C-alpha atoms as a PDB file:
ATOM      1  CA  UNK A   1     105.463 127.343 108.474  1.00  0.00           C
ATOM      2  CA  UNK A   2     103.889 125.727 111.512  1.00  0.00           C
ATOM      3  CA  UNK A   3     102.359 122.324 112.333  1.00  0.00           C
ATOM      4  CA  UNK A   4      98.950 123.271 110.950  1.00  0.00           C
ATOM      5  CA  UNK A   5     100.241 124.429 107.553  1.00  0.00           C
ATOM      6  CA  UNK A   6     102.666 121.488 107.338  1.00  0.00           C
ATOM      7  CA  UNK A   7      99.756 119.115 107.977  1.00  0.00           C
ATOM      8  CA  UNK A   8      97.680 120.857 105.280  1.00  0.00           C
ATOM      9  CA  UNK A   9     100.530 120.459 102.790  1.00  0.00           C
ATOM     10  CA  UNK A  10     100.903 116.798 103.727  1.00  0.00           C
ATOM     11  CA  UNK A  11      97.152 116.215 103.277  1.00  0.00           C
ATOM     12  CA  UNK A  12      97.164 117.853  99.844  1.00  0.00           C
ATOM     13  CA  UNK A  13      99.998 115.571  98.685  1.00  0.00           C
ATOM     14  CA  UNK A  14      98.379 112.386 100.025  1.00  0.00           C
ATOM     15  CA  UNK A  15      94.721 113.067  99.118  1.00  0.00           C
ATOM     16  CA  UNK A  16      94.892 112.178  95.415  1.00  0.00           C
ATOM     17  CA  UNK A  17      96.181 108.692  96.311  1.00  0.00           C
ATOM     18  CA  UNK A  18      93.969 107.491  99.167  1.00  0.00           C
ATOM     19  CA  UNK A  19      91.249 108.478 101.613  1.00  0.00           C
ATOM     20  CA  UNK A  20      92.495 110.738 104.400  1.00  0.00           C
ATOM     21  CA  UNK A  21      90.601 111.858 107.500  1.00  0.00           C
ATOM     22  CA  UNK A  22      91.695 114.466 109.992  1.00  0.00           C
ATOM     23  CA  UNK A  23      91.222 113.180 113.536  1.00  0.00           C
ATOM     24  CA  UNK A  24      92.061 116.354 115.453  1.00  0.00           C
ATOM     25  CA  UNK A  25      89.422 117.379 117.980  1.00  0.00           C
ATOM     26  CA  UNK A  26      89.059 117.793 121.710  1.00  0.00           C
ATOM     27  CA  UNK A  27      87.119 114.516 121.858  1.00  0.00           C
ATOM     28  CA  UNK A  28      89.981 112.419 120.471  1.00  0.00           C
ATOM     29  CA  UNK A  29      92.648 112.768 123.145  1.00  0.00           C
ATOM     30  CA  UNK A  30      95.708 110.810 122.092  1.00  0.00           C
ATOM     31  CA  UNK A  31      94.414 109.830 118.647  1.00  0.00           C
ATOM     32  CA  UNK A  32      96.902 110.685 115.876  1.00  0.00           C
ATOM     33  CA  UNK A  33      96.165 113.627 113.598  1.00  0.00           C
ATOM     34  CA  UNK A  34      95.506 111.697 110.395  1.00  0.00           C
ATOM     35  CA  UNK A  35      93.876 108.430 109.410  1.00  0.00           C
ATOM     36  CA  UNK A  36      94.688 107.065 105.932  1.00  0.00           C
ATOM     37  CA  UNK A  37      92.794 104.307 104.185  1.00  0.00           C
ATOM     38  CA  UNK A  38      93.716 102.473 100.994  1.00  0.00           C
ATOM     39  CA  UNK A  39      94.124  98.710 100.653  1.00  0.00           C
ATOM     40  CA  UNK A  40      95.413  98.968 104.230  1.00  0.00           C
ATOM     41  CA  UNK A  41      95.112 101.726 106.803  1.00  0.00           C
ATOM     42  CA  UNK A  42      97.580 103.861 108.690  1.00  0.00           C
ATOM     43  CA  UNK A  43      97.580 106.419 111.503  1.00  0.00           C
ATOM     44  CA  UNK A  44      99.945 109.406 111.454  1.00  0.00           C
ATOM     45  CA  UNK A  45     100.751 111.834 114.248  1.00  0.00           C
ATOM     46  CA  UNK A  46     102.220 115.028 112.797  1.00  0.00           C
ATOM     47  CA  UNK A  47     104.566 117.403 114.606  1.00  0.00           C
ATOM     48  CA  UNK A  48     106.617 120.331 113.321  1.00  0.00           C
ATOM     49  CA  UNK A  49     110.002 121.503 114.595  1.00  0.00           C
ATOM     50  CA  UNK A  50     112.104 123.682 112.307  1.00  0.00           C
ATOM     51  CA  UNK A  51     114.262 125.024 115.157  1.00  0.00           C
ATOM     52  CA  UNK A  52     116.084 121.831 116.123  1.00  0.00           C
ATOM     53  CA  UNK A  53     118.969 121.153 113.748  1.00  0.00           C
ATOM     54  CA  UNK A  54     120.261 117.931 115.313  1.00  0.00           C
ATOM     55  CA  UNK A  55     118.497 114.848 116.598  1.00  0.00           C
ATOM     56  CA  UNK A  56     114.771 115.184 117.272  1.00  0.00           C
ATOM     57  CA  UNK A  57     112.543 113.181 119.569  1.00  0.00           C
ATOM     58  CA  UNK A  58     108.840 113.725 118.789  1.00  0.00           C
ATOM     59  CA  UNK A  59     107.084 115.688 121.522  1.00  0.00           C
ATOM     60  CA  UNK A  60     104.186 113.315 122.114  1.00  0.00           C
ATOM     61  CA  UNK A  61     101.804 113.763 125.015  1.00  0.00           C
ATOM     62  CA  UNK A  62     101.391 110.859 127.416  1.00  0.00           C
ATOM     63  CA  UNK A  63      98.038 109.992 125.794  1.00  0.00           C
ATOM     64  CA  UNK A  64      99.520 110.177 122.278  1.00  0.00           C
ATOM     65  CA  UNK A  65     102.407 107.936 123.269  1.00  0.00           C
ATOM     66  CA  UNK A  66     100.047 105.413 124.876  1.00  0.00           C
ATOM     67  CA  UNK A  67      97.701 105.449 121.872  1.00  0.00           C
ATOM     68  CA  UNK A  68     100.521 104.987 119.351  1.00  0.00           C
ATOM     69  CA  UNK A  69     102.185 102.223 121.363  1.00  0.00           C
ATOM     70  CA  UNK A  70      98.927 100.360 121.999  1.00  0.00           C
ATOM     71  CA  UNK A  71      97.839 100.435 118.342  1.00  0.00           C
ATOM     72  CA  UNK A  72     101.324  99.467 117.177  1.00  0.00           C
ATOM     73  CA  UNK A  73     101.309  96.532 119.626  1.00  0.00           C
ATOM     74  CA  UNK A  74      97.978  95.448 118.057  1.00  0.00           C
ATOM     75  CA  UNK A  75      99.738  95.242 114.694  1.00  0.00           C
ATOM     76  CA  UNK A  76      98.404  98.458 113.219  1.00  0.00           C
ATOM     77  CA  UNK A  77     100.430 100.827 111.043  1.00  0.00           C
ATOM     78  CA  UNK A  78     101.319 103.884 113.122  1.00  0.00           C
ATOM     79  CA  UNK A  79     103.721 106.605 112.022  1.00  0.00           C
ATOM     80  CA  UNK A  80     104.966 109.809 113.592  1.00  0.00           C
ATOM     81  CA  UNK A  81     106.195 112.518 111.256  1.00  0.00           C
ATOM     82  CA  UNK A  82     108.147 115.533 112.443  1.00  0.00           C
ATOM     83  CA  UNK A  83     108.301 118.191 109.749  1.00  0.00           C
ATOM     84  CA  UNK A  84     111.609 120.042 109.940  1.00  0.00           C
ATOM     85  CA  UNK A  85     110.894 122.488 107.096  1.00  0.00           C
ATOM     86  CA  UNK A  86     108.302 122.893 104.366  1.00  0.00           C
ATOM     87  CA  UNK A  87     110.337 120.465 102.245  1.00  0.00           C
ATOM     88  CA  UNK A  88     111.574 117.763 104.628  1.00  0.00           C
ATOM     89  CA  UNK A  89     110.999 115.834 107.813  1.00  0.00           C
ATOM     90  CA  UNK A  90     111.855 112.822 109.932  1.00  0.00           C
ATOM     91  CA  UNK A  91     109.563 109.795 109.726  1.00  0.00           C
ATOM     92  CA  UNK A  92     109.378 107.562 112.806  1.00  0.00           C
ATOM     93  CA  UNK A  93     108.149 104.009 112.204  1.00  0.00           C
ATOM     94  CA  UNK A  94     108.136 100.614 113.942  1.00  0.00           C
ATOM     95  CA  UNK A  95     107.472 101.995 117.419  1.00  0.00           C
ATOM     96  CA  UNK A  96     110.585 104.192 117.350  1.00  0.00           C
ATOM     97  CA  UNK A  97     108.744 107.461 118.108  1.00  0.00           C
ATOM     98  CA  UNK A  98     110.095 107.434 121.658  1.00  0.00           C
ATOM     99  CA  UNK A  99     113.663 107.679 120.282  1.00  0.00           C
ATOM    100  CA  UNK A 100     115.726 110.431 118.703  1.00  0.00           C
ATOM    101  CA  UNK A 101     115.859 110.609 114.922  1.00  0.00           C
ATOM    102  CA  UNK A 102     118.290 112.437 112.671  1.00  0.00           C
ATOM    103  CA  UNK A 103     117.565 111.130 109.170  1.00  0.00           C
ATOM    104  CA  UNK A 104     115.788 113.975 107.384  1.00  0.00           C
ATOM    105  CA  UNK A 105     114.035 112.987 104.172  1.00  0.00           C
ATOM    106  CA  UNK A 106     112.632 115.118 101.351  1.00  0.00           C
ATOM    107  CA  UNK A 107     108.853 115.457 101.633  1.00  0.00           C
ATOM    108  CA  UNK A 108     108.365 113.645  98.319  1.00  0.00           C
ATOM    109  CA  UNK A 109     110.211 110.598  99.700  1.00  0.00           C
ATOM    110  CA  UNK A 110     108.200 110.746 102.931  1.00  0.00           C
ATOM    111  CA  UNK A 111     104.950 110.711 100.924  1.00  0.00           C
ATOM    112  CA  UNK A 112     106.197 107.705  98.939  1.00  0.00           C
ATOM    113  CA  UNK A 113     106.991 105.839 102.172  1.00  0.00           C
ATOM    114  CA  UNK A 114     103.641 106.741 103.743  1.00  0.00           C
ATOM    115  CA  UNK A 115     101.729 105.574 100.662  1.00  0.00           C
ATOM    116  CA  UNK A 116     103.671 102.313 100.820  1.00  0.00           C
ATOM    117  CA  UNK A 117     101.860 101.580 104.077  1.00  0.00           C
ATOM    118  CA  UNK A 118      98.361 102.010 102.609  1.00  0.00           C
ATOM    119  CA  UNK A 119      98.482 101.176  98.889  1.00  0.00           C
END
């Protein structure tokens, strides 16, 4: 699995519950990969790293880090998800995407948490 296929799997699990828009393009430098809209909205940057077994710090570009921090400071819901296998990942919330995370969650639990931000 790679980032692209992990993102496709994530989209397929979220899509029945709310609107989801892919934001990936050369014209959107720094904008997170996914925009979700329900009763509220949420932005998610998706990464994939199945090689690192310990703590992971998301590998965000300078523009991604600025975008996430600026939107979070405006009070918007911004998440960073690092998939660590096809079945789990680490979800970074509350501006903590510039820190190391170790708490791997099953994908089903991650989806539940993500939907809690938009439904």
